[in-house]
């Protein structure tokens, strides 16, 4: 009887030893796996780099060009207009600009109703020209995309300045402000769309008032 009990105890001890050994191996395996997971980075730094070709933009600071559009002269209708532009880029966001333009004033509603017997202005007096000096700020530089494979640098900008308007055989101090959108078509040629208000005081219609003369133009400039 004692021998049977002794054999049972030996077998039980052997089974317990086997279970403890298996549990220890399993625990060690889990610890090694956890350590390997901690050593593995969350984000794999081996990122495949792609070749990027930066835009080849000329570093010249001067910009010269011409524009064509129309001028809406208060009380005198709208007519086609042309202009010249010279700009100097002081920094990436700031530039100074000089512009010159010409157009012709149309007839007022009074002249159209009364016929040609009572014109307010002669043909020579209807010549309308201006020049101004302005400061501009590039507010929103970015890119414009055409299709999937073509991107062009662009910028939305505002300008404010002052100058002179020659109209009706007289000169008027003029305040100018507006906004424009510039797109670099190539590394040295830019396309512009501008809207500007030319404000000055005049009493040609019998009423002394501040007139708003709106200019819309499309232009092209060259950096040099």
Protein backbone atom coordinates (compact mmCIF):
# COMPACT_ATOMS: atom_id res chain seq x y z
CA UNK A 1 0.00 0.00 0.00
CA UNK A 2 2.80 2.36 0.89
CA UNK A 3 4.52 1.62 -2.41
CA UNK A 4 1.40 2.60 -4.33
CA UNK A 5 1.11 5.87 -2.42
CA UNK A 6 4.80 6.57 -3.06
CA UNK A 7 4.38 5.91 -6.80
CA UNK A 8 1.31 8.19 -6.93
CA UNK A 9 3.18 11.02 -5.20
CA UNK A 10 6.16 10.67 -7.53
CA UNK A 11 3.90 10.77 -10.58
CA UNK A 12 2.06 13.84 -9.22
CA UNK A 13 5.35 15.64 -8.54
CA UNK A 14 6.56 14.86 -12.05
CA UNK A 15 3.34 16.19 -13.58
CA UNK A 16 3.57 19.41 -11.55
CA UNK A 17 7.21 19.84 -12.62
CA UNK A 18 6.26 19.41 -16.27
CA UNK A 19 3.43 21.98 -15.97
CA UNK A 20 5.69 24.51 -14.26
CA UNK A 21 8.35 24.08 -16.97
CA UNK A 22 5.82 24.52 -19.79
CA UNK A 23 4.30 27.62 -18.13
CA UNK A 24 7.72 29.16 -17.70
CA UNK A 25 8.62 28.62 -21.34
CA UNK A 26 5.34 30.12 -22.45
CA UNK A 27 5.77 33.14 -20.18
CA UNK A 28 9.30 33.67 -21.45
CA UNK A 29 8.06 33.49 -25.04
CA UNK A 30 5.39 36.12 -24.36
CA UNK A 31 7.94 38.40 -22.70
CA UNK A 32 10.31 38.09 -25.65
CA UNK A 33 7.49 38.82 -28.11
CA UNK A 34 6.40 41.87 -26.08
CA UNK A 35 9.99 43.16 -26.00
CA UNK A 36 10.26 42.70 -29.77
CA UNK A 37 7.00 44.63 -30.27
CA UNK A 38 8.32 47.49 -28.13
CA UNK A 39 11.58 47.60 -30.05
CA UNK A 40 9.74 47.74 -33.39
CA UNK A 41 8.97 51.42 -34.36
CA UNK A 42 5.34 52.46 -34.70
CA UNK A 43 6.08 54.27 -37.99
CA UNK A 44 8.51 52.73 -40.40
CA UNK A 45 11.06 55.46 -41.23
CA UNK A 46 12.03 53.75 -44.47
CA UNK A 47 9.88 55.96 -46.72
CA UNK A 48 10.44 55.82 -50.41
CA UNK A 49 11.41 59.30 -51.57
CA UNK A 50 10.18 60.67 -54.88
CA UNK A 51 12.07 63.12 -57.03
CA UNK A 52 10.56 66.61 -56.94
CA UNK A 53 11.53 69.23 -59.49
CA UNK A 54 11.24 72.71 -57.91
CA UNK A 55 9.84 75.46 -60.18
CA UNK A 56 12.56 77.26 -62.09
CA UNK A 57 11.56 80.86 -61.36
CA UNK A 58 13.80 83.70 -62.39
CA UNK A 59 15.29 85.60 -59.46
CA UNK A 60 15.15 88.98 -61.22
CA UNK A 61 13.27 91.65 -59.26
CA UNK A 62 11.94 93.84 -62.09
CA UNK A 63 8.73 93.14 -63.99
CA UNK A 64 7.56 95.00 -67.10
CA UNK A 65 4.57 94.45 -69.36
CA UNK A 66 1.38 95.67 -70.99
CA UNK A 67 -2.33 95.20 -70.42
CA UNK A 68 -5.60 95.54 -72.30
CA UNK A 69 -9.14 95.80 -70.98
CA UNK A 70 -11.72 98.50 -70.42
CA UNK A 71 -12.33 101.47 -68.16
CA UNK A 72 -15.76 102.33 -66.78
CA UNK A 73 -15.73 106.12 -66.35
CA UNK A 74 -18.48 107.35 -64.06
CA UNK A 75 -21.19 109.22 -66.03
CA UNK A 76 -19.32 108.57 -69.30
CA UNK A 77 -19.78 104.84 -69.91
CA UNK A 78 -17.20 102.15 -70.62
CA UNK A 79 -14.59 101.99 -73.34
CA UNK A 80 -11.58 99.88 -74.19
CA UNK A 81 -8.33 100.81 -72.45
CA UNK A 82 -4.69 99.85 -72.64
CA UNK A 83 -1.86 100.27 -70.17
CA UNK A 84 1.80 99.73 -69.31
CA UNK A 85 3.18 98.33 -66.08
CA UNK A 86 6.60 98.42 -64.36
CA UNK A 87 7.09 96.73 -60.99
CA UNK A 88 9.96 96.18 -58.58
CA UNK A 89 9.70 93.26 -56.15
CA UNK A 90 11.20 94.42 -52.86
CA UNK A 91 10.65 91.05 -51.20
CA UNK A 92 8.64 87.89 -51.72
CA UNK A 93 5.49 89.59 -50.44
CA UNK A 94 5.98 93.29 -51.18
CA UNK A 95 6.36 95.11 -54.50
CA UNK A 96 6.20 98.65 -55.87
CA UNK A 97 4.48 99.36 -59.17
CA UNK A 98 4.08 102.19 -61.68
CA UNK A 99 1.32 102.08 -64.30
CA UNK A 100 0.18 104.22 -67.21
CA UNK A 101 -2.99 103.89 -69.26
CA UNK A 102 -5.26 105.54 -71.80
CA UNK A 103 -8.89 105.36 -72.89
CA UNK A 104 -11.62 107.63 -74.30
CA UNK A 105 -14.73 108.81 -72.49
CA UNK A 106 -18.10 108.11 -74.03
CA UNK A 107 -21.22 110.26 -73.88
CA UNK A 108 -23.27 110.92 -70.80
CA UNK A 109 -26.94 110.01 -70.61
CA UNK A 110 -27.76 113.74 -70.93
CA UNK A 111 -25.78 113.98 -74.18
CA UNK A 112 -27.45 110.87 -75.55
CA UNK A 113 -30.92 112.28 -74.79
CA UNK A 114 -30.25 115.79 -76.06
CA UNK A 115 -28.40 114.74 -79.21
CA UNK A 116 -25.19 116.28 -80.46
CA UNK A 117 -26.32 119.90 -80.08
CA UNK A 118 -25.20 120.26 -76.47
CA UNK A 119 -22.03 118.18 -75.92
CA UNK A 120 -20.36 118.53 -72.55
CA UNK A 121 -16.92 117.77 -73.99
CA UNK A 122 -15.17 118.06 -77.31
CA UNK A 123 -13.52 115.03 -78.85
CA UNK A 124 -10.11 116.14 -77.61
CA UNK A 125 -11.43 116.63 -74.07
CA UNK A 126 -12.70 113.06 -74.02
CA UNK A 127 -9.17 111.70 -74.01
CA UNK A 128 -8.66 110.05 -70.63
CA UNK A 129 -5.20 109.02 -69.38
CA UNK A 130 -3.70 108.21 -66.02
CA UNK A 131 -0.49 107.27 -64.24
CA UNK A 132 -0.02 106.11 -60.67
CA UNK A 133 2.47 104.68 -58.19
CA UNK A 134 1.32 101.86 -55.93
CA UNK A 135 2.47 99.41 -53.29
CA UNK A 136 1.35 95.80 -53.59
CA UNK A 137 1.16 92.86 -51.22
CA UNK A 138 1.01 89.20 -52.23
CA UNK A 139 -1.70 87.87 -49.90
CA UNK A 140 -2.22 84.29 -51.04
CA UNK A 141 0.74 82.78 -52.91
CA UNK A 142 0.01 79.29 -54.16
CA UNK A 143 -0.44 77.18 -57.28
CA UNK A 144 -3.03 76.78 -59.99
CA UNK A 145 -3.41 73.35 -61.61
CA UNK A 146 -4.25 72.64 -65.22
CA UNK A 147 -4.89 68.93 -65.64
CA UNK A 148 -3.02 66.40 -63.50
CA UNK A 149 0.53 67.11 -64.59
CA UNK A 150 0.76 70.90 -64.85
CA UNK A 151 1.00 73.31 -61.90
CA UNK A 152 1.80 77.02 -62.09
CA UNK A 153 2.81 79.37 -59.29
CA UNK A 154 0.21 82.03 -58.61
CA UNK A 155 -0.59 84.82 -56.17
CA UNK A 156 -3.57 86.92 -55.18
CA UNK A 157 -2.44 90.47 -54.41
CA UNK A 158 -3.81 93.88 -53.42
CA UNK A 159 -2.49 97.32 -54.41
CA UNK A 160 -2.97 100.81 -53.05
CA UNK A 161 -1.48 104.03 -54.33
CA UNK A 162 -1.99 107.47 -55.84
CA UNK A 163 -1.38 109.30 -59.09
CA UNK A 164 -2.82 111.67 -61.65
CA UNK A 165 -5.70 111.53 -64.14
CA UNK A 166 -5.86 113.79 -67.21
CA UNK A 167 -9.41 114.32 -68.38
CA UNK A 168 -11.46 117.18 -69.84
CA UNK A 169 -8.32 119.33 -70.32
CA UNK A 170 -7.59 119.15 -66.59
CA UNK A 171 -5.52 117.09 -64.15
CA UNK A 172 -6.96 115.42 -61.07
CA UNK A 173 -5.17 113.91 -58.08
CA UNK A 174 -6.28 110.27 -58.03
CA UNK A 175 -6.43 107.65 -55.29
CA UNK A 176 -6.08 104.08 -56.58
CA UNK A 177 -6.77 100.73 -54.95
CA UNK A 178 -7.59 97.27 -56.22
CA UNK A 179 -6.69 93.61 -56.43
CA UNK A 180 -5.21 91.24 -58.95
CA UNK A 181 -4.29 87.65 -59.67
CA UNK A 182 -0.91 86.68 -61.11
CA UNK A 183 0.01 83.33 -62.71
CA UNK A 184 3.55 82.43 -63.76
CA UNK A 185 3.11 80.85 -67.17
CA UNK A 186 6.88 80.23 -67.53
CA UNK A 187 9.95 80.94 -65.42
CA UNK A 188 9.96 84.59 -66.60
CA UNK A 189 6.50 85.41 -68.04
CA UNK A 190 3.47 86.15 -65.87
CA UNK A 191 -0.19 86.66 -66.71
CA UNK A 192 -2.29 89.17 -64.74
CA UNK A 193 -5.96 89.91 -64.15
CA UNK A 194 -6.56 93.22 -62.34
CA UNK A 195 -9.50 95.24 -61.05
CA UNK A 196 -8.80 98.80 -59.82
CA UNK A 197 -10.80 101.81 -58.74
CA UNK A 198 -9.50 105.27 -59.72
CA UNK A 199 -11.08 107.87 -57.42
CA UNK A 200 -10.94 111.65 -57.94
CA UNK A 201 -13.14 114.72 -57.46
CA UNK A 202 -14.69 116.38 -60.51
CA UNK A 203 -17.57 118.79 -61.23
CA UNK A 204 -17.84 118.46 -65.01
CA UNK A 205 -21.52 117.48 -64.88
CA UNK A 206 -22.43 120.46 -62.67
CA UNK A 207 -22.11 118.53 -59.42
CA UNK A 208 -18.91 118.43 -57.38
CA UNK A 209 -18.48 114.79 -56.42
CA UNK A 210 -16.01 111.96 -55.98
CA UNK A 211 -16.13 109.65 -58.97
CA UNK A 212 -15.28 105.95 -59.03
CA UNK A 213 -13.74 104.84 -62.32
CA UNK A 214 -13.31 101.09 -62.48
CA UNK A 215 -10.54 99.52 -64.56
CA UNK A 216 -10.57 95.86 -65.64
CA UNK A 217 -7.59 94.50 -67.54
CA UNK A 218 -5.72 91.40 -68.63
CA UNK A 219 -1.96 91.71 -69.00
CA UNK A 220 1.32 89.94 -69.52
CA UNK A 221 4.62 90.85 -67.90
CA UNK A 222 8.24 89.77 -68.20
CA UNK A 223 10.71 89.44 -65.32
CA UNK A 224 14.18 90.77 -65.94
